N, C-alpha and C. Protein backbone atom coordinates (compact mmCIF):
# COMPACT_ATOMS: atom_id res chain seq x y z
N MET A 1 -16.92 4.55 22.43
CA MET A 1 -16.52 4.58 23.81
C MET A 1 -17.74 5.02 24.61
N ALA A 2 -18.10 4.27 25.63
CA ALA A 2 -19.26 4.60 26.44
C ALA A 2 -18.90 5.70 27.43
N PRO A 3 -19.79 6.67 27.63
CA PRO A 3 -19.49 7.73 28.58
C PRO A 3 -19.53 7.20 30.01
N ALA A 4 -18.78 7.84 30.87
CA ALA A 4 -18.80 7.49 32.28
C ALA A 4 -20.15 7.94 32.85
N ALA A 5 -20.42 7.51 34.06
CA ALA A 5 -21.67 7.90 34.71
C ALA A 5 -21.79 9.42 34.68
N GLY A 6 -22.90 9.90 34.26
CA GLY A 6 -23.11 11.33 34.19
C GLY A 6 -22.54 11.97 32.93
N GLY A 7 -22.00 11.19 31.97
CA GLY A 7 -21.52 11.72 30.71
C GLY A 7 -20.13 12.34 30.79
N ASP A 8 -19.39 12.07 31.85
CA ASP A 8 -18.05 12.65 32.00
C ASP A 8 -17.10 12.14 30.93
N ALA A 9 -16.04 12.91 30.73
CA ALA A 9 -15.00 12.53 29.76
C ALA A 9 -14.07 11.49 30.40
N HIS A 10 -13.36 10.75 29.53
CA HIS A 10 -12.43 9.72 29.96
C HIS A 10 -11.02 10.10 29.55
N PRO A 11 -10.08 10.22 30.48
CA PRO A 11 -8.69 10.47 30.07
C PRO A 11 -8.11 9.20 29.43
N LEU A 12 -7.47 9.39 28.29
CA LEU A 12 -6.90 8.25 27.58
C LEU A 12 -5.81 8.74 26.64
N THR A 13 -4.74 7.98 26.54
CA THR A 13 -3.70 8.27 25.55
C THR A 13 -3.87 7.29 24.40
N LEU A 14 -4.01 7.83 23.21
CA LEU A 14 -4.18 7.03 21.99
C LEU A 14 -2.90 7.11 21.19
N ARG A 15 -2.40 5.97 20.75
CA ARG A 15 -1.19 5.93 19.91
C ARG A 15 -1.57 5.32 18.56
N LEU A 16 -1.54 6.15 17.53
CA LEU A 16 -1.85 5.70 16.17
C LEU A 16 -0.55 5.47 15.42
N ARG A 17 -0.35 4.24 14.94
CA ARG A 17 0.87 3.93 14.19
C ARG A 17 0.73 4.46 12.77
N MET A 18 1.74 5.19 12.34
CA MET A 18 1.82 5.70 10.98
C MET A 18 2.80 4.79 10.23
N PRO A 19 2.30 3.88 9.40
CA PRO A 19 3.15 2.86 8.77
C PRO A 19 4.25 3.43 7.88
N GLY A 20 5.32 2.68 7.75
CA GLY A 20 6.44 3.08 6.91
C GLY A 20 6.11 3.11 5.43
N TRP A 21 5.05 2.43 5.00
CA TRP A 21 4.71 2.38 3.57
C TRP A 21 3.91 3.59 3.10
N LEU A 22 3.61 4.53 3.97
CA LEU A 22 2.83 5.70 3.56
C LEU A 22 3.46 6.42 2.38
N ALA A 23 2.65 6.88 1.47
CA ALA A 23 3.14 7.59 0.28
C ALA A 23 3.62 9.00 0.61
N GLU A 24 3.12 9.57 1.67
CA GLU A 24 3.50 10.92 2.09
C GLU A 24 4.24 10.84 3.42
N PRO A 25 5.12 11.81 3.70
CA PRO A 25 5.87 11.76 4.96
C PRO A 25 5.03 12.07 6.19
N THR A 26 3.88 12.71 6.01
CA THR A 26 3.01 13.02 7.15
C THR A 26 1.56 12.72 6.82
N VAL A 27 0.77 12.54 7.88
CA VAL A 27 -0.67 12.30 7.76
C VAL A 27 -1.36 13.28 8.69
N ARG A 28 -2.36 13.98 8.17
CA ARG A 28 -3.15 14.88 9.00
C ARG A 28 -4.33 14.10 9.59
N VAL A 29 -4.50 14.27 10.89
CA VAL A 29 -5.59 13.62 11.62
C VAL A 29 -6.47 14.71 12.20
N ALA A 30 -7.75 14.65 11.91
CA ALA A 30 -8.71 15.63 12.40
C ALA A 30 -9.51 15.02 13.54
N LEU A 31 -9.69 15.79 14.60
CA LEU A 31 -10.49 15.37 15.74
C LEU A 31 -11.69 16.28 15.85
N SER A 32 -12.87 15.71 15.66
CA SER A 32 -14.13 16.42 15.88
C SER A 32 -14.61 16.01 17.26
N THR A 33 -14.85 16.98 18.11
CA THR A 33 -15.27 16.64 19.46
C THR A 33 -16.77 16.85 19.61
N ALA A 34 -17.35 16.04 20.46
CA ALA A 34 -18.78 16.11 20.69
C ALA A 34 -19.16 17.36 21.47
N ASN A 35 -18.22 17.90 22.25
CA ASN A 35 -18.54 19.00 23.15
C ASN A 35 -18.09 20.37 22.65
N ALA A 36 -17.48 20.46 21.45
CA ALA A 36 -16.99 21.75 20.97
C ALA A 36 -17.19 21.84 19.46
N ALA A 37 -17.33 23.06 18.99
CA ALA A 37 -17.45 23.28 17.55
C ALA A 37 -16.05 23.25 16.93
N GLY A 38 -15.97 22.89 15.66
CA GLY A 38 -14.69 22.88 14.97
C GLY A 38 -13.93 21.58 15.18
N THR A 39 -12.72 21.56 14.65
CA THR A 39 -11.89 20.36 14.76
C THR A 39 -10.48 20.74 15.21
N GLU A 40 -9.83 19.80 15.86
CA GLU A 40 -8.42 19.92 16.21
C GLU A 40 -7.65 19.15 15.16
N GLN A 41 -6.46 19.62 14.81
CA GLN A 41 -5.63 18.96 13.81
C GLN A 41 -4.36 18.42 14.47
N PHE A 42 -3.97 17.21 14.08
CA PHE A 42 -2.73 16.59 14.54
C PHE A 42 -1.99 16.11 13.29
N VAL A 43 -0.68 15.98 13.40
CA VAL A 43 0.12 15.50 12.27
C VAL A 43 0.95 14.32 12.73
N GLY A 44 0.78 13.19 12.04
CA GLY A 44 1.58 11.99 12.31
C GLY A 44 2.68 11.86 11.27
N LYS A 45 3.83 11.33 11.67
CA LYS A 45 4.96 11.16 10.76
C LYS A 45 5.11 9.69 10.37
N ARG A 46 5.40 9.47 9.10
CA ARG A 46 5.61 8.12 8.57
C ARG A 46 6.64 7.38 9.43
N GLY A 47 6.33 6.13 9.79
CA GLY A 47 7.23 5.29 10.56
C GLY A 47 7.26 5.59 12.05
N ASP A 48 6.31 6.39 12.53
CA ASP A 48 6.29 6.79 13.93
C ASP A 48 4.87 6.60 14.48
N TYR A 49 4.69 6.97 15.73
CA TYR A 49 3.38 6.95 16.35
C TYR A 49 2.91 8.38 16.56
N LEU A 50 1.65 8.63 16.28
CA LEU A 50 1.02 9.89 16.64
C LEU A 50 0.37 9.65 17.99
N VAL A 51 0.76 10.43 18.99
CA VAL A 51 0.26 10.25 20.35
C VAL A 51 -0.71 11.39 20.66
N ILE A 52 -1.92 11.02 21.04
CA ILE A 52 -2.93 12.00 21.41
C ILE A 52 -3.38 11.66 22.83
N SER A 53 -3.03 12.54 23.77
CA SER A 53 -3.42 12.37 25.17
C SER A 53 -4.47 13.43 25.49
N ARG A 54 -5.63 12.97 25.89
CA ARG A 54 -6.71 13.93 26.19
C ARG A 54 -7.83 13.21 26.90
N SER A 55 -8.83 13.96 27.27
CA SER A 55 -10.05 13.39 27.82
C SER A 55 -11.03 13.22 26.66
N TRP A 56 -11.52 12.02 26.50
CA TRP A 56 -12.41 11.68 25.39
C TRP A 56 -13.85 11.60 25.88
N SER A 57 -14.75 11.97 25.01
CA SER A 57 -16.19 11.89 25.32
C SER A 57 -16.89 11.09 24.23
N ALA A 58 -18.04 10.57 24.57
CA ALA A 58 -18.86 9.88 23.58
C ALA A 58 -19.13 10.84 22.43
N GLY A 59 -18.96 10.38 21.21
CA GLY A 59 -19.21 11.20 20.03
C GLY A 59 -17.95 11.84 19.45
N ASP A 60 -16.82 11.78 20.17
CA ASP A 60 -15.56 12.27 19.59
C ASP A 60 -15.21 11.40 18.39
N LYS A 61 -14.64 12.04 17.36
CA LYS A 61 -14.41 11.30 16.11
C LYS A 61 -13.07 11.72 15.50
N LEU A 62 -12.23 10.72 15.18
CA LEU A 62 -10.98 10.94 14.45
C LEU A 62 -11.20 10.62 12.98
N THR A 63 -10.66 11.47 12.11
CA THR A 63 -10.77 11.25 10.67
C THR A 63 -9.40 11.41 10.04
N PHE A 64 -8.99 10.40 9.25
CA PHE A 64 -7.71 10.49 8.55
C PHE A 64 -7.68 9.49 7.41
N SER A 65 -6.74 9.68 6.53
CA SER A 65 -6.56 8.80 5.39
C SER A 65 -5.08 8.42 5.32
N LEU A 66 -4.80 7.17 4.99
CA LEU A 66 -3.42 6.70 4.85
C LEU A 66 -3.11 6.59 3.35
N PRO A 67 -2.39 7.58 2.80
CA PRO A 67 -2.13 7.57 1.35
C PRO A 67 -1.18 6.44 0.95
N MET A 68 -1.55 5.73 -0.12
CA MET A 68 -0.74 4.61 -0.61
C MET A 68 -0.17 4.95 -1.98
N ALA A 69 0.94 4.29 -2.31
CA ALA A 69 1.56 4.45 -3.62
C ALA A 69 2.21 3.14 -4.02
N LEU A 70 2.47 3.00 -5.32
CA LEU A 70 3.22 1.85 -5.81
C LEU A 70 4.68 1.99 -5.43
N ARG A 71 5.30 0.87 -5.05
CA ARG A 71 6.74 0.85 -4.82
C ARG A 71 7.24 -0.54 -5.18
N SER A 72 8.51 -0.62 -5.52
CA SER A 72 9.07 -1.92 -5.92
C SER A 72 10.32 -2.23 -5.10
N SER A 73 10.61 -3.53 -5.01
CA SER A 73 11.78 -4.03 -4.29
C SER A 73 12.53 -4.99 -5.19
N ARG A 74 13.80 -4.75 -5.36
CA ARG A 74 14.62 -5.61 -6.21
C ARG A 74 14.98 -6.91 -5.49
N TYR A 75 14.84 -8.01 -6.21
CA TYR A 75 15.21 -9.32 -5.68
C TYR A 75 16.73 -9.44 -5.66
N THR A 76 17.27 -9.83 -4.52
CA THR A 76 18.73 -9.98 -4.38
C THR A 76 19.11 -11.38 -3.89
N GLY A 77 18.20 -12.33 -4.01
CA GLY A 77 18.44 -13.68 -3.50
C GLY A 77 19.30 -14.52 -4.44
N LEU A 78 19.30 -15.82 -4.18
CA LEU A 78 20.16 -16.77 -4.89
C LEU A 78 19.73 -17.02 -6.34
N ASN A 79 18.46 -16.92 -6.65
CA ASN A 79 17.95 -17.26 -7.98
C ASN A 79 18.02 -16.07 -8.93
N GLN A 80 19.22 -15.56 -9.15
CA GLN A 80 19.41 -14.45 -10.09
C GLN A 80 19.29 -14.97 -11.52
N ILE A 81 18.87 -14.10 -12.43
CA ILE A 81 18.74 -14.45 -13.84
C ILE A 81 19.74 -13.59 -14.60
N PRO A 82 20.80 -14.17 -15.16
CA PRO A 82 21.79 -13.37 -15.89
C PRO A 82 21.14 -12.51 -16.97
N GLY A 83 21.52 -11.23 -16.98
CA GLY A 83 21.00 -10.30 -17.97
C GLY A 83 19.65 -9.70 -17.62
N HIS A 84 19.10 -10.06 -16.48
CA HIS A 84 17.79 -9.57 -16.06
C HIS A 84 17.80 -9.20 -14.59
N GLN A 85 16.84 -8.38 -14.21
CA GLN A 85 16.58 -8.09 -12.80
C GLN A 85 15.19 -8.61 -12.48
N ARG A 86 14.96 -8.86 -11.21
CA ARG A 86 13.64 -9.30 -10.76
C ARG A 86 13.15 -8.32 -9.70
N TRP A 87 11.88 -7.92 -9.82
CA TRP A 87 11.30 -6.92 -8.94
C TRP A 87 9.94 -7.35 -8.43
N ALA A 88 9.68 -7.12 -7.13
CA ALA A 88 8.35 -7.27 -6.55
C ALA A 88 7.71 -5.89 -6.49
N VAL A 89 6.39 -5.86 -6.51
CA VAL A 89 5.66 -4.59 -6.46
C VAL A 89 4.66 -4.64 -5.32
N GLU A 90 4.57 -3.53 -4.59
CA GLU A 90 3.60 -3.38 -3.52
C GLU A 90 2.81 -2.10 -3.75
N TYR A 91 1.58 -2.12 -3.29
CA TYR A 91 0.76 -0.90 -3.28
C TYR A 91 0.37 -0.69 -1.83
N GLY A 92 0.99 0.30 -1.19
CA GLY A 92 0.82 0.46 0.25
C GLY A 92 1.30 -0.82 0.93
N PRO A 93 0.47 -1.43 1.78
CA PRO A 93 0.87 -2.65 2.47
C PRO A 93 0.59 -3.93 1.67
N VAL A 94 0.06 -3.80 0.46
CA VAL A 94 -0.42 -4.96 -0.30
C VAL A 94 0.64 -5.44 -1.29
N LEU A 95 1.08 -6.68 -1.13
CA LEU A 95 1.99 -7.30 -2.10
C LEU A 95 1.18 -7.68 -3.33
N LEU A 96 1.70 -7.31 -4.50
CA LEU A 96 1.04 -7.63 -5.77
C LEU A 96 1.77 -8.76 -6.46
N ALA A 97 1.06 -9.53 -7.26
CA ALA A 97 1.64 -10.63 -8.03
C ALA A 97 1.25 -10.46 -9.49
N ALA A 98 2.19 -10.76 -10.38
CA ALA A 98 1.93 -10.71 -11.82
C ALA A 98 1.17 -11.96 -12.23
N THR A 99 0.10 -11.79 -12.98
CA THR A 99 -0.68 -12.91 -13.51
C THR A 99 -0.96 -12.63 -14.99
N GLY A 100 -1.36 -13.67 -15.70
CA GLY A 100 -1.76 -13.51 -17.09
C GLY A 100 -0.63 -13.56 -18.10
N GLY A 101 0.59 -13.47 -17.63
CA GLY A 101 1.73 -13.51 -18.55
C GLY A 101 2.15 -14.93 -18.85
N ALA A 102 2.91 -15.07 -19.94
CA ALA A 102 3.43 -16.39 -20.31
C ALA A 102 4.65 -16.70 -19.45
N TRP A 103 4.81 -17.96 -19.11
CA TRP A 103 5.97 -18.39 -18.34
C TRP A 103 7.13 -18.59 -19.31
N ASN A 104 8.26 -18.00 -19.03
CA ASN A 104 9.45 -18.15 -19.84
C ASN A 104 10.29 -19.28 -19.24
N ASP A 105 10.26 -20.46 -19.88
CA ASP A 105 10.95 -21.63 -19.33
C ASP A 105 12.47 -21.42 -19.25
N ALA A 106 13.04 -20.70 -20.21
CA ALA A 106 14.48 -20.47 -20.19
C ALA A 106 14.90 -19.64 -18.98
N LEU A 107 14.04 -18.71 -18.55
CA LEU A 107 14.35 -17.87 -17.39
C LEU A 107 13.76 -18.42 -16.10
N ASP A 108 12.82 -19.35 -16.23
CA ASP A 108 12.05 -19.87 -15.11
C ASP A 108 11.37 -18.72 -14.36
N SER A 109 10.71 -17.86 -15.13
CA SER A 109 10.05 -16.68 -14.59
C SER A 109 9.14 -16.09 -15.66
N MET A 110 8.24 -15.21 -15.26
CA MET A 110 7.54 -14.37 -16.23
C MET A 110 8.52 -13.26 -16.61
N LEU A 111 8.45 -12.83 -17.86
CA LEU A 111 9.31 -11.76 -18.34
C LEU A 111 8.45 -10.59 -18.78
N LEU A 112 8.70 -9.41 -18.21
CA LEU A 112 8.01 -8.19 -18.62
C LEU A 112 8.91 -7.46 -19.59
N THR A 113 8.37 -7.07 -20.73
CA THR A 113 9.19 -6.41 -21.75
C THR A 113 9.03 -4.89 -21.68
N GLY A 114 10.09 -4.18 -22.02
CA GLY A 114 10.03 -2.74 -22.16
C GLY A 114 9.95 -1.95 -20.86
N VAL A 115 10.20 -2.58 -19.73
CA VAL A 115 10.18 -1.85 -18.45
C VAL A 115 11.53 -1.16 -18.29
N ARG A 116 11.54 0.17 -18.41
CA ARG A 116 12.79 0.92 -18.39
C ARG A 116 13.23 1.34 -17.00
N LYS A 117 12.30 1.59 -16.12
CA LYS A 117 12.62 2.03 -14.75
C LYS A 117 11.91 1.13 -13.75
N PRO A 118 12.40 -0.10 -13.55
CA PRO A 118 11.69 -1.01 -12.66
C PRO A 118 11.59 -0.52 -11.21
N ALA A 119 12.51 0.34 -10.80
CA ALA A 119 12.47 0.89 -9.44
C ALA A 119 11.37 1.94 -9.29
N GLU A 120 10.75 2.35 -10.40
CA GLU A 120 9.67 3.34 -10.38
C GLU A 120 8.41 2.75 -11.01
N PRO A 121 7.70 1.90 -10.27
CA PRO A 121 6.55 1.20 -10.88
C PRO A 121 5.44 2.10 -11.38
N SER A 122 5.36 3.33 -10.89
CA SER A 122 4.32 4.22 -11.41
C SER A 122 4.59 4.62 -12.86
N THR A 123 5.81 4.36 -13.37
CA THR A 123 6.12 4.66 -14.77
C THR A 123 5.73 3.52 -15.71
N TRP A 124 5.46 2.32 -15.18
CA TRP A 124 5.12 1.19 -16.04
C TRP A 124 3.88 0.42 -15.61
N LEU A 125 3.22 0.87 -14.54
CA LEU A 125 1.96 0.26 -14.10
C LEU A 125 0.90 1.35 -13.99
N GLU A 126 -0.34 0.98 -14.30
CA GLU A 126 -1.46 1.89 -14.08
C GLU A 126 -2.67 1.07 -13.67
N PRO A 127 -3.62 1.68 -12.94
CA PRO A 127 -4.83 0.94 -12.56
C PRO A 127 -5.50 0.37 -13.80
N SER A 128 -5.92 -0.89 -13.71
CA SER A 128 -6.54 -1.54 -14.87
C SER A 128 -8.00 -1.15 -15.04
N GLY A 129 -8.63 -0.69 -13.96
CA GLY A 129 -10.05 -0.38 -14.01
C GLY A 129 -10.93 -1.61 -13.88
N GLU A 130 -10.31 -2.79 -13.80
CA GLU A 130 -11.08 -4.04 -13.71
C GLU A 130 -11.58 -4.29 -12.30
N ALA A 131 -10.80 -3.91 -11.31
CA ALA A 131 -11.15 -4.09 -9.90
C ALA A 131 -10.18 -3.25 -9.07
N PRO A 132 -10.56 -2.92 -7.84
CA PRO A 132 -9.62 -2.19 -7.00
C PRO A 132 -8.33 -2.98 -6.81
N LEU A 133 -7.22 -2.30 -6.74
CA LEU A 133 -5.90 -2.90 -6.51
C LEU A 133 -5.43 -3.79 -7.66
N HIS A 134 -5.99 -3.62 -8.84
CA HIS A 134 -5.55 -4.35 -10.03
C HIS A 134 -4.87 -3.36 -10.98
N PHE A 135 -3.70 -3.74 -11.47
CA PHE A 135 -2.91 -2.86 -12.31
C PHE A 135 -2.53 -3.57 -13.60
N ARG A 136 -2.42 -2.81 -14.68
CA ARG A 136 -1.95 -3.37 -15.94
C ARG A 136 -0.56 -2.82 -16.21
N VAL A 137 0.21 -3.61 -16.97
CA VAL A 137 1.58 -3.23 -17.32
C VAL A 137 1.54 -2.48 -18.64
N LEU A 138 2.15 -1.33 -18.67
CA LEU A 138 2.22 -0.53 -19.89
C LEU A 138 3.29 -1.09 -20.83
N GLY A 139 3.11 -0.92 -22.11
CA GLY A 139 4.12 -1.33 -23.08
C GLY A 139 3.72 -2.55 -23.87
N ALA A 140 4.22 -2.60 -25.09
CA ALA A 140 3.93 -3.71 -26.00
C ALA A 140 4.47 -5.02 -25.43
N GLY A 141 3.71 -6.07 -25.64
CA GLY A 141 4.10 -7.39 -25.18
C GLY A 141 3.61 -7.73 -23.79
N ASN A 142 3.04 -6.76 -23.09
CA ASN A 142 2.57 -6.98 -21.72
C ASN A 142 1.05 -6.86 -21.58
N GLU A 143 0.34 -6.85 -22.69
CA GLU A 143 -1.10 -6.57 -22.67
C GLU A 143 -1.89 -7.51 -21.75
N ALA A 144 -1.50 -8.75 -21.63
CA ALA A 144 -2.25 -9.71 -20.84
C ALA A 144 -1.86 -9.72 -19.37
N VAL A 145 -0.77 -9.07 -19.02
CA VAL A 145 -0.25 -9.12 -17.65
C VAL A 145 -1.01 -8.15 -16.76
N ARG A 146 -1.40 -8.64 -15.59
CA ARG A 146 -2.02 -7.82 -14.56
C ARG A 146 -1.28 -8.07 -13.25
N PHE A 147 -1.13 -7.01 -12.47
CA PHE A 147 -0.63 -7.16 -11.10
C PHE A 147 -1.85 -7.07 -10.20
N VAL A 148 -2.05 -8.08 -9.39
CA VAL A 148 -3.21 -8.18 -8.52
C VAL A 148 -2.73 -8.49 -7.10
N PRO A 149 -3.56 -8.24 -6.09
CA PRO A 149 -3.14 -8.58 -4.73
C PRO A 149 -2.80 -10.07 -4.61
N TYR A 150 -1.66 -10.33 -4.02
CA TYR A 150 -1.21 -11.71 -3.84
C TYR A 150 -2.25 -12.54 -3.09
N PHE A 151 -2.94 -11.93 -2.13
CA PHE A 151 -3.91 -12.68 -1.34
C PHE A 151 -5.11 -13.15 -2.17
N LEU A 152 -5.28 -12.63 -3.39
CA LEU A 152 -6.38 -13.08 -4.26
C LEU A 152 -5.99 -14.26 -5.14
N ILE A 153 -4.71 -14.58 -5.22
CA ILE A 153 -4.24 -15.65 -6.09
C ILE A 153 -4.79 -16.99 -5.61
N GLN A 154 -5.31 -17.76 -6.55
CA GLN A 154 -5.85 -19.08 -6.23
C GLN A 154 -5.10 -20.15 -7.02
N GLU A 155 -5.57 -20.45 -8.21
CA GLU A 155 -5.02 -21.52 -9.03
C GLU A 155 -4.19 -21.02 -10.21
N GLU A 156 -4.27 -19.72 -10.50
CA GLU A 156 -3.63 -19.20 -11.71
C GLU A 156 -2.10 -19.15 -11.56
N LEU A 157 -1.44 -19.14 -12.71
CA LEU A 157 0.01 -18.98 -12.77
C LEU A 157 0.34 -17.55 -12.36
N PHE A 158 1.34 -17.39 -11.49
CA PHE A 158 1.70 -16.05 -11.03
C PHE A 158 3.20 -15.99 -10.77
N GLU A 159 3.67 -14.75 -10.61
CA GLU A 159 5.08 -14.50 -10.25
C GLU A 159 5.11 -13.25 -9.39
N VAL A 160 5.75 -13.35 -8.24
CA VAL A 160 5.89 -12.19 -7.35
C VAL A 160 7.10 -11.36 -7.76
N TYR A 161 8.15 -12.00 -8.26
CA TYR A 161 9.36 -11.30 -8.72
C TYR A 161 9.57 -11.56 -10.21
N PRO A 162 8.73 -10.97 -11.08
CA PRO A 162 8.95 -11.20 -12.51
C PRO A 162 10.25 -10.57 -12.98
N ALA A 163 10.80 -11.12 -14.05
CA ALA A 163 12.04 -10.61 -14.64
C ALA A 163 11.75 -9.43 -15.55
N VAL A 164 12.67 -8.50 -15.58
CA VAL A 164 12.59 -7.36 -16.52
C VAL A 164 13.90 -7.25 -17.25
């Protein structure tokens, strides 16, 4: 933000959206000001806006982190698979897709074996270490399966709602 003539401060109301996918119910936002020592602290709530009304100067700086976590959503559409459930997985705002698994023609889906708590993906997924936002499925029979950001999918076989 450019300072006004003479370096004066600018009154401005800033509204920071705190997304509903946040892993924590609150986010701490630190404000370092160019004209004062120390920092001011603000707290934003998940699913709401943090409103900061003040006079801003060149060099003022906001610092915060948006914590992300794995979460899953059960498929409830028309293509149900008798005896199985289908789940999508997200990491923060990022939709993940299962790749590397074999396609089960009888189910018309990829099948993940040994997933006991599909509603709790942190119990059956862990970072693969291969690249950021890439996860491997824990348990025998799933060694080749990776969950990767959907936006990275190109030509490979994938499933957003694999069966468990």
